[in-house]
C-alpha atoms as a PDB file:
ATOM      1  CA  MET A   1     -15.367  14.891 -10.932  1.00  0.00           C
ATOM      2  CA  TYR A   2     -13.894  11.687  -9.550  1.00  0.00           C
ATOM      3  CA  ARG A   3     -11.304  11.617  -6.761  1.00  0.00           C
ATOM      4  CA  ASN A   4     -10.463   9.027  -4.130  1.00  0.00           C
ATOM      5  CA  ILE A   5     -10.172  10.414  -0.588  1.00  0.00           C
ATOM      6  CA  LYS A   6      -8.608   8.541   2.314  1.00  0.00           C
ATOM      7  CA  ASN A   7      -7.474   9.721   5.750  1.00  0.00           C
ATOM      8  CA  TYR A   8      -4.283   8.432   7.339  1.00  0.00           C
ATOM      9  CA  GLU A   9      -3.484   9.010  11.006  1.00  0.00           C
ATOM     10  CA  LEU A  10       0.251   9.398  11.570  1.00  0.00           C
ATOM     11  CA  ARG A  11       1.439   6.612  13.857  1.00  0.00           C
ATOM     12  CA  TYR A  12       4.728   6.414  15.702  1.00  0.00           C
ATOM     13  CA  THR A  13       6.184   4.356  12.862  1.00  0.00           C
ATOM     14  CA  ASP A  14       5.190   6.981  10.262  1.00  0.00           C
ATOM     15  CA  VAL A  15       7.367   9.788  11.609  1.00  0.00           C
ATOM     16  CA  ASP A  16      11.073  10.549  11.879  1.00  0.00           C
ATOM     17  CA  ALA A  17      13.247  11.476  14.857  1.00  0.00           C
ATOM     18  CA  PHE A  18      11.625  14.928  14.931  1.00  0.00           C
ATOM     19  CA  ASP A  19       8.021  13.634  14.804  1.00  0.00           C
ATOM     20  CA  ASN A  20       7.596  14.753  11.179  1.00  0.00           C
ATOM     21  CA  LEU A  21       6.002  12.592   8.502  1.00  0.00           C
ATOM     22  CA  LYS A  22       8.687  10.467   6.835  1.00  0.00           C
ATOM     23  CA  MET A  23       8.869  10.658   3.058  1.00  0.00           C
ATOM     24  CA  SER A  24       8.730   6.858   2.870  1.00  0.00           C
ATOM     25  CA  SER A  25       5.446   6.975   4.818  1.00  0.00           C
ATOM     26  CA  LEU A  26       4.075   9.626   2.476  1.00  0.00           C
ATOM     27  CA  PHE A  27       5.022   7.473  -0.517  1.00  0.00           C
ATOM     28  CA  SER A  28       3.312   4.508   1.169  1.00  0.00           C
ATOM     29  CA  PHE A  29       0.129   6.552   1.693  1.00  0.00           C
ATOM     30  CA  MET A  30       0.244   7.649  -1.939  1.00  0.00           C
ATOM     31  CA  GLU A  31       0.720   4.091  -3.177  1.00  0.00           C
ATOM     32  CA  GLU A  32      -2.106   2.814  -0.980  1.00  0.00           C
ATOM     33  CA  SER A  33      -4.453   5.550  -2.207  1.00  0.00           C
ATOM     34  CA  ALA A  34      -3.461   4.938  -5.837  1.00  0.00           C
ATOM     35  CA  CYS A  35      -4.202   1.234  -5.437  1.00  0.00           C
ATOM     36  CA  LEU A  36      -7.576   1.905  -3.788  1.00  0.00           C
ATOM     37  CA  SER A  37      -8.463   4.349  -6.553  1.00  0.00           C
ATOM     38  CA  ALA A  38      -7.481   1.835  -9.239  1.00  0.00           C
ATOM     39  CA  ASP A  39      -9.650  -0.786  -7.499  1.00  0.00           C
ATOM     40  CA  GLU A  40     -12.614   1.607  -7.602  1.00  0.00           C
ATOM     41  CA  LEU A  41     -12.095   2.346 -11.294  1.00  0.00           C
ATOM     42  CA  GLY A  42     -11.688  -1.252 -12.411  1.00  0.00           C
ATOM     43  CA  PHE A  43      -7.947  -1.488 -13.084  1.00  0.00           C
ATOM     44  CA  GLY A  44      -6.643  -2.587  -9.692  1.00  0.00           C
ATOM     45  CA  TYR A  45      -4.314  -5.452  -8.904  1.00  0.00           C
ATOM     46  CA  LYS A  46      -7.130  -8.014  -8.777  1.00  0.00           C
ATOM     47  CA  ASP A  47      -8.340  -6.849 -12.207  1.00  0.00           C
ATOM     48  CA  LEU A  48      -4.959  -6.794 -13.953  1.00  0.00           C
ATOM     49  CA  ALA A  49      -3.030  -9.651 -12.324  1.00  0.00           C
ATOM     50  CA  PRO A  50      -5.089 -12.397 -14.054  1.00  0.00           C
ATOM     51  CA  LYS A  51      -4.146 -10.764 -17.372  1.00  0.00           C
ATOM     52  CA  ASN A  52      -0.463 -10.701 -16.373  1.00  0.00           C
ATOM     53  CA  ILE A  53      -0.479  -6.885 -16.437  1.00  0.00           C
ATOM     54  CA  GLY A  54       0.647  -4.456 -13.754  1.00  0.00           C
ATOM     55  CA  PHE A  55       1.490  -0.818 -13.077  1.00  0.00           C
ATOM     56  CA  ILE A  56       4.869   0.525 -11.968  1.00  0.00           C
ATOM     57  CA  LEU A  57       5.832   4.044 -10.917  1.00  0.00           C
ATOM     58  CA  VAL A  58       8.460   5.794 -13.047  1.00  0.00           C
ATOM     59  CA  ASN A  59       8.475   9.417 -11.804  1.00  0.00           C
ATOM     60  CA  CYS A  60       7.036  11.441  -8.956  1.00  0.00           C
ATOM     61  CA  TYR A  61       7.179  15.119  -7.980  1.00  0.00           C
ATOM     62  CA  ILE A  62       5.963  16.406  -4.604  1.00  0.00           C
ATOM     63  CA  GLU A  63       5.600  19.915  -3.169  1.00  0.00           C
ATOM     64  CA  LEU A  64       4.946  20.391   0.562  1.00  0.00           C
ATOM     65  CA  GLU A  65       3.931  23.549   2.412  1.00  0.00           C
ATOM     66  CA  LYS A  66       4.471  22.368   5.981  1.00  0.00           C
ATOM     67  CA  ASN A  67       5.347  19.360   8.104  1.00  0.00           C
ATOM     68  CA  VAL A  68       2.638  16.944   9.147  1.00  0.00           C
ATOM     69  CA  LYS A  69       3.220  15.783  12.706  1.00  0.00           C
ATOM     70  CA  LEU A  70       2.766  12.680  14.826  1.00  0.00           C
ATOM     71  CA  GLY A  71      -0.905  12.119  15.685  1.00  0.00           C
ATOM     72  CA  GLU A  72      -2.248  14.374  12.945  1.00  0.00           C
ATOM     73  CA  LYS A  73      -4.409  13.051  10.117  1.00  0.00           C
ATOM     74  CA  LEU A  74      -3.329  13.431   6.522  1.00  0.00           C
ATOM     75  CA  SER A  75      -6.113  13.348   3.952  1.00  0.00           C
ATOM     76  CA  VAL A  76      -4.859  12.103   0.578  1.00  0.00           C
ATOM     77  CA  HIS A  77      -6.939  12.967  -2.481  1.00  0.00           C
ATOM     78  CA  THR A  78      -5.998  11.274  -5.738  1.00  0.00           C
ATOM     79  CA  TRP A  79      -7.303  10.873  -9.259  1.00  0.00           C
ATOM     80  CA  PRO A  80      -5.931   9.606 -12.596  1.00  0.00           C
ATOM     81  CA  MET A  81      -5.772  11.625 -15.792  1.00  0.00           C
ATOM     82  CA  HIS A  82      -6.603  10.395 -19.267  1.00  0.00           C
ATOM     83  CA  PRO A  83      -3.483   8.417 -20.291  1.00  0.00           C
ATOM     84  CA  LYS A  84      -1.306   9.411 -23.221  1.00  0.00           C
ATOM     85  CA  HIS A  85      -0.280   6.294 -25.133  1.00  0.00           C
ATOM     86  CA  MET A  86       1.980   4.660 -22.511  1.00  0.00           C
ATOM     87  CA  ILE A  87       2.032   7.326 -19.769  1.00  0.00           C
ATOM     88  CA  PHE A  88      -0.545   7.367 -16.980  1.00  0.00           C
ATOM     89  CA  LEU A  89      -0.531  10.574 -14.930  1.00  0.00           C
ATOM     90  CA  ARG A  90      -1.926  10.455 -11.394  1.00  0.00           C
ATOM     91  CA  GLU A  91      -2.506  13.572  -9.304  1.00  0.00           C
ATOM     92  CA  TYR A  92      -2.543  14.023  -5.511  1.00  0.00           C
ATOM     93  CA  GLU A  93      -3.520  16.715  -3.028  1.00  0.00           C
ATOM     94  CA  PHE A  94      -2.745  16.549   0.697  1.00  0.00           C
ATOM     95  CA  PHE A  95      -4.806  18.111   3.480  1.00  0.00           C
ATOM     96  CA  CYS A  96      -4.323  18.340   7.254  1.00  0.00           C
ATOM     97  CA  ASN A  97      -6.949  19.854   9.583  1.00  0.00           C
ATOM     98  CA  GLY A  98      -8.784  21.180   6.547  1.00  0.00           C
ATOM     99  CA  GLU A  99      -5.685  22.996   5.260  1.00  0.00           C
ATOM    100  CA  LYS A 100      -4.010  22.053   2.000  1.00  0.00           C
ATOM    101  CA  VAL A 101      -0.428  21.151   2.884  1.00  0.00           C
ATOM    102  CA  GLY A 102       0.900  19.847  -0.403  1.00  0.00           C
ATOM    103  CA  ALA A 103       0.368  18.256  -3.789  1.00  0.00           C
ATOM    104  CA  ALA A 104       2.021  15.749  -6.071  1.00  0.00           C
ATOM    105  CA  THR A 105       1.958  14.376  -9.571  1.00  0.00           C
ATOM    106  CA  ALA A 106       3.251  10.996 -10.699  1.00  0.00           C
ATOM    107  CA  ARG A 107       3.812   9.097 -13.925  1.00  0.00           C
ATOM    108  CA  TRP A 108       3.021   5.392 -14.064  1.00  0.00           C
ATOM    109  CA  VAL A 109       3.320   2.878 -16.880  1.00  0.00           C
ATOM    110  CA  MET A 110       1.358  -0.285 -17.541  1.00  0.00           C
ATOM    111  CA  VAL A 111       3.607  -3.280 -18.152  1.00  0.00           C
ATOM    112  CA  SER A 112       3.531  -6.926 -19.077  1.00  0.00           C
ATOM    113  CA  LEU A 113       4.557  -8.911 -16.018  1.00  0.00           C
ATOM    114  CA  GLU A 114       6.284 -11.454 -18.245  1.00  0.00           C
ATOM    115  CA  ASN A 115       9.092  -9.089 -19.273  1.00  0.00           C
ATOM    116  CA  PHE A 116       8.117  -5.649 -17.882  1.00  0.00           C
ATOM    117  CA  ALA A 117       7.725  -4.248 -21.389  1.00  0.00           C
ATOM    118  CA  MET A 118       5.558  -1.121 -21.428  1.00  0.00           C
ATOM    119  CA  LEU A 119       2.068  -1.457 -22.852  1.00  0.00           C
ATOM    120  CA  PRO A 120      -0.182   1.178 -24.479  1.00  0.00           C
ATOM    121  CA  TYR A 121      -3.344   1.989 -22.550  1.00  0.00           C
ATOM    122  CA  THR A 122      -5.430   0.491 -25.369  1.00  0.00           C
ATOM    123  CA  GLU A 123      -4.140  -2.929 -24.295  1.00  0.00           C
ATOM    124  CA  TYR A 124      -6.671  -2.845 -21.451  1.00  0.00           C
ATOM    125  CA  PHE A 125      -8.775   0.349 -21.540  1.00  0.00           C
ATOM    126  CA  LYS A 126     -11.587   1.645 -23.711  1.00  0.00           C
ATOM    127  CA  GLU A 127     -12.093   5.368 -24.334  1.00  0.00           C
ATOM    128  CA  SER A 128     -15.403   5.240 -22.477  1.00  0.00           C
ATOM    129  CA  ASP A 129     -13.525   4.216 -19.317  1.00  0.00           C
ATOM    130  CA  PHE A 130     -12.312   7.805 -18.991  1.00  0.00           C
ATOM    131  CA  ASP A 131     -15.658   9.591 -19.305  1.00  0.00           C
ATOM    132  CA  ASN A 132     -15.797  10.647 -15.641  1.00  0.00           C
ATOM    133  CA  TYR A 133     -12.090  11.304 -15.135  1.00  0.00           C
ATOM    134  CA  ASN A 134     -10.984  14.568 -13.569  1.00  0.00           C
ATOM    135  CA  THR A 135      -9.191  16.810 -16.082  1.00  0.00           C
ATOM    136  CA  GLN A 136      -7.572  19.119 -13.505  1.00  0.00           C
ATOM    137  CA  ARG A 137      -3.894  18.798 -12.603  1.00  0.00           C
ATOM    138  CA  ALA A 138      -2.838  19.033  -8.962  1.00  0.00           C
ATOM    139  CA  LEU A 139       0.461  20.593 -10.063  1.00  0.00           C
ATOM    140  CA  ASP A 140       1.408  22.236 -13.339  1.00  0.00           C
ATOM    141  CA  PHE A 141       4.611  20.248 -13.690  1.00  0.00           C
ATOM    142  CA  SER A 142       6.283  18.559 -16.643  1.00  0.00           C
ATOM    143  CA  ALA A 143      10.065  18.871 -16.047  1.00  0.00           C
ATOM    144  CA  TRP A 144      10.572  15.152 -15.503  1.00  0.00           C
ATOM    145  CA  LYS A 145      14.189  14.800 -16.573  1.00  0.00           C
ATOM    146  CA  LEU A 146      16.703  14.682 -13.720  1.00  0.00           C
ATOM    147  CA  PRO A 147      20.466  15.165 -14.090  1.00  0.00           C
ATOM    148  CA  PHE A 148      22.935  12.518 -13.019  1.00  0.00           C
ATOM    149  CA  VAL A 149      25.264  13.119 -10.086  1.00  0.00           C
ATOM    150  CA  LEU A 150      28.651  13.952 -11.605  1.00  0.00           C
ATOM    151  CA  ASN A 151      30.921  14.718  -8.662  1.00  0.00           C
ATOM    152  CA  GLY A 152      29.326  13.073  -5.647  1.00  0.00           C
ATOM    153  CA  ASP A 153      31.024  10.854  -3.112  1.00  0.00           C
ATOM    154  CA  ILE A 154      29.738   7.407  -2.133  1.00  0.00           C
ATOM    155  CA  LEU A 155      28.210   7.958   1.309  1.00  0.00           C
ATOM    156  CA  TYR A 156      27.056   4.424   2.061  1.00  0.00           C
ATOM    157  CA  SER A 157      25.857   1.245   0.375  1.00  0.00           C
ATOM    158  CA  ARG A 158      22.926  -1.058   1.018  1.00  0.00           C
ATOM    159  CA  ARG A 159      22.097  -4.554  -0.183  1.00  0.00           C
ATOM    160  CA  VAL A 160      18.562  -5.187  -1.464  1.00  0.00           C
ATOM    161  CA  VAL A 161      16.897  -7.832   0.717  1.00  0.00           C
ATOM    162  CA  TYR A 162      13.634  -9.739   1.029  1.00  0.00           C
ATOM    163  CA  SER A 163      11.800  -7.062   3.026  1.00  0.00           C
ATOM    164  CA  ASP A 164      12.391  -4.502   0.243  1.00  0.00           C
ATOM    165  CA  TYR A 165      10.357  -6.531  -2.256  1.00  0.00           C
ATOM    166  CA  ASP A 166       6.774  -6.083  -3.403  1.00  0.00           C
ATOM    167  CA  HIS A 167       4.611  -8.554  -5.324  1.00  0.00           C
ATOM    168  CA  TYR A 168       6.410  -7.664  -8.555  1.00  0.00           C
ATOM    169  CA  PHE A 169       9.636  -9.087  -7.067  1.00  0.00           C
ATOM    170  CA  HIS A 170      11.677  -5.900  -7.084  1.00  0.00           C
ATOM    171  CA  ALA A 171      12.402  -3.228  -4.476  1.00  0.00           C
ATOM    172  CA  ASN A 172       9.178  -1.314  -3.894  1.00  0.00           C
ATOM    173  CA  ASN A 173       9.157   2.362  -4.890  1.00  0.00           C
ATOM    174  CA  THR A 174       8.426   3.497  -1.333  1.00  0.00           C
ATOM    175  CA  LYS A 175      11.711   2.037  -0.076  1.00  0.00           C
ATOM    176  CA  TYR A 176      13.863   4.407  -2.115  1.00  0.00           C
ATOM    177  CA  ALA A 177      12.697   7.476  -0.187  1.00  0.00           C
ATOM    178  CA  ASP A 178      14.505   6.081   2.852  1.00  0.00           C
ATOM    179  CA  PHE A 179      17.458   4.714   0.870  1.00  0.00           C
ATOM    180  CA  LEU A 180      18.226   8.104  -0.658  1.00  0.00           C
ATOM    181  CA  LEU A 181      17.364  10.429   2.216  1.00  0.00           C
ATOM    182  CA  ASP A 182      19.668   8.333   4.398  1.00  0.00           C
ATOM    183  CA  ALA A 183      22.388  10.232   2.535  1.00  0.00           C
ATOM    184  CA  PHE A 184      21.799  12.862   5.253  1.00  0.00           C
ATOM    185  CA  THR A 185      22.690  12.507   8.924  1.00  0.00           C
ATOM    186  CA  VAL A 186      20.344  13.178  11.840  1.00  0.00           C
ATOM    187  CA  ASP A 187      22.158  16.441  12.557  1.00  0.00           C
ATOM    188  CA  GLU A 188      21.899  17.519   8.923  1.00  0.00           C
ATOM    189  CA  MET A 189      18.139  16.905   9.001  1.00  0.00           C
ATOM    190  CA  ARG A 190      17.609  18.765  12.295  1.00  0.00           C
ATOM    191  CA  GLY A 191      15.397  21.782  11.656  1.00  0.00           C
ATOM    192  CA  ARG A 192      14.972  20.901   7.994  1.00  0.00           C
ATOM    193  CA  SER A 193      11.802  19.962   6.200  1.00  0.00           C
ATOM    194  CA  VAL A 194      11.300  18.839   2.620  1.00  0.00           C
ATOM    195  CA  LYS A 195       9.966  21.615   0.411  1.00  0.00           C
ATOM    196  CA  SER A 196      10.000  19.639  -2.824  1.00  0.00           C
ATOM    197  CA  LEU A 197      11.110  16.183  -3.835  1.00  0.00           C
ATOM    198  CA  GLN A 198      11.423  14.620  -7.267  1.00  0.00           C
ATOM    199  CA  ILE A 199      12.324  11.009  -7.949  1.00  0.00           C
ATOM    200  CA  THR A 200      12.895   8.984 -11.098  1.00  0.00           C
ATOM    201  CA  TYR A 201      13.058   5.205 -11.138  1.00  0.00           C
ATOM    202  CA  VAL A 202      15.478   4.280 -13.911  1.00  0.00           C
ATOM    203  CA  LYS A 203      15.708   0.505 -13.496  1.00  0.00           C
ATOM    204  CA  GLN A 204      14.504  -2.131 -11.046  1.00  0.00           C
ATOM    205  CA  CYS A 205      16.713  -3.223  -8.171  1.00  0.00           C
ATOM    206  CA  LYS A 206      16.753  -6.906  -7.316  1.00  0.00           C
ATOM    207  CA  GLU A 207      17.562  -8.991  -4.240  1.00  0.00           C
ATOM    208  CA  GLY A 208      21.304  -9.208  -3.607  1.00  0.00           C
ATOM    209  CA  GLU A 209      22.223  -6.108  -5.607  1.00  0.00           C
ATOM    210  CA  VAL A 210      24.169  -3.455  -3.690  1.00  0.00           C
ATOM    211  CA  ILE A 211      22.937   0.126  -4.045  1.00  0.00           C
ATOM    212  CA  GLU A 212      25.617   2.781  -3.581  1.00  0.00           C
ATOM    213  CA  VAL A 213      24.230   6.183  -2.574  1.00  0.00           C
ATOM    214  CA  VAL A 214      25.937   9.395  -3.685  1.00  0.00           C
ATOM    215  CA  ARG A 215      24.888  13.029  -3.355  1.00  0.00           C
ATOM    216  CA  GLU A 216      25.811  16.411  -4.760  1.00  0.00           C
ATOM    217  CA  TYR A 217      24.692  19.998  -3.997  1.00  0.00           C
ATOM    218  CA  SER A 218      23.840  22.210  -6.961  1.00  0.00           C
ATOM    219  CA  ASP A 219      21.994  25.546  -7.210  1.00  0.00           C
ATOM    220  CA  GLY A 220      20.132  25.208  -3.923  1.00  0.00           C
ATOM    221  CA  LEU A 221      19.082  21.612  -4.550  1.00  0.00           C
ATOM    222  CA  TRP A 222      20.475  18.264  -3.478  1.00  0.00           C
ATOM    223  CA  LEU A 223      20.920  15.598  -6.142  1.00  0.00           C
ATOM    224  CA  ILE A 224      21.019  12.038  -4.817  1.00  0.00           C
ATOM    225  CA  GLU A 225      21.636   8.935  -6.864  1.00  0.00           C
ATOM    226  CA  GLY A 226      21.398   5.232  -6.168  1.00  0.00           C
ATOM    227  CA  ARG A 227      23.829   3.175  -8.271  1.00  0.00           C
ATOM    228  CA  VAL A 228      24.400  -0.519  -8.797  1.00  0.00           C
ATOM    229  CA  GLU A 229      27.892  -1.303 -10.117  1.00  0.00           C
ATOM    230  CA  GLY A 230      28.184   2.278 -11.354  1.00  0.00           C
ATOM    231  CA  GLU A 231      24.821   2.243 -13.160  1.00  0.00           C
ATOM    232  CA  ALA A 232      22.222   4.798 -12.029  1.00  0.00           C
ATOM    233  CA  ARG A 233      19.075   2.995 -10.910  1.00  0.00           C
ATOM    234  CA  VAL A 234      17.204   5.799  -9.113  1.00  0.00           C
ATOM    235  CA  LEU A 235      17.606   9.593  -9.051  1.00  0.00           C
ATOM    236  CA  MET A 236      16.287  12.115  -6.541  1.00  0.00           C
ATOM    237  CA  ARG A 237      16.301  15.906  -6.344  1.00  0.00           C
ATOM    238  CA  VAL A 238      15.251  17.449  -3.041  1.00  0.00           C
ATOM    239  CA  LYS A 239      14.881  21.008  -1.765  1.00  0.00           C
ATOM    240  CA  PHE A 240      14.706  21.818   1.934  1.00  0.00           C
ATOM    241  CA  ASP A 241      13.199  24.822   3.699  1.00  0.00           C
END
């Protein structure tokens, strides 16, 4: 069954202080592979933009078995599932040196670029478009709801600027991995690696808005939240080895 496969060599700019793959780089690889896959299947940016339609990421869950290091090649495999009304699931598997090192699943929605209202898949797709789609999940995961941070302290704040934007004129989803993991110091990250990471994008962040980052530890997991004027805009739950 269909899957898009692309290899990414980890460059100096793709790794952190400890030469491990940065989560923002992994999200960038995933977005690039998703876009290439959509191009192959006929619903890429060049296909949808003339119709004033686009895709935005709303949730993602990642599990990792080991760190990928500077100079290694990460092979990203991805495929879409048959959509359910307004939800488009996309699956990912990650390989390094022939070894599976992780997997992910993500939920996307198709939107009108006039007002970002969600659209049903029938707005663009026909049932026959899905005839060759892979029906296998990369991860058996469906617990998409994340709790809000209730007792966290504001650790730092960051203003959204031009370089955070993508062509939908909001902060790109890949940027938030850095925004939220910057809740941890270099010393706190020493010797740690991400075992699992879940993120939910609640609402777009625009140029000039100030994101306040708070975190809270609960039951072996870190909850991190990005707020604008007290309103949760993005939520993350992360587990370290």
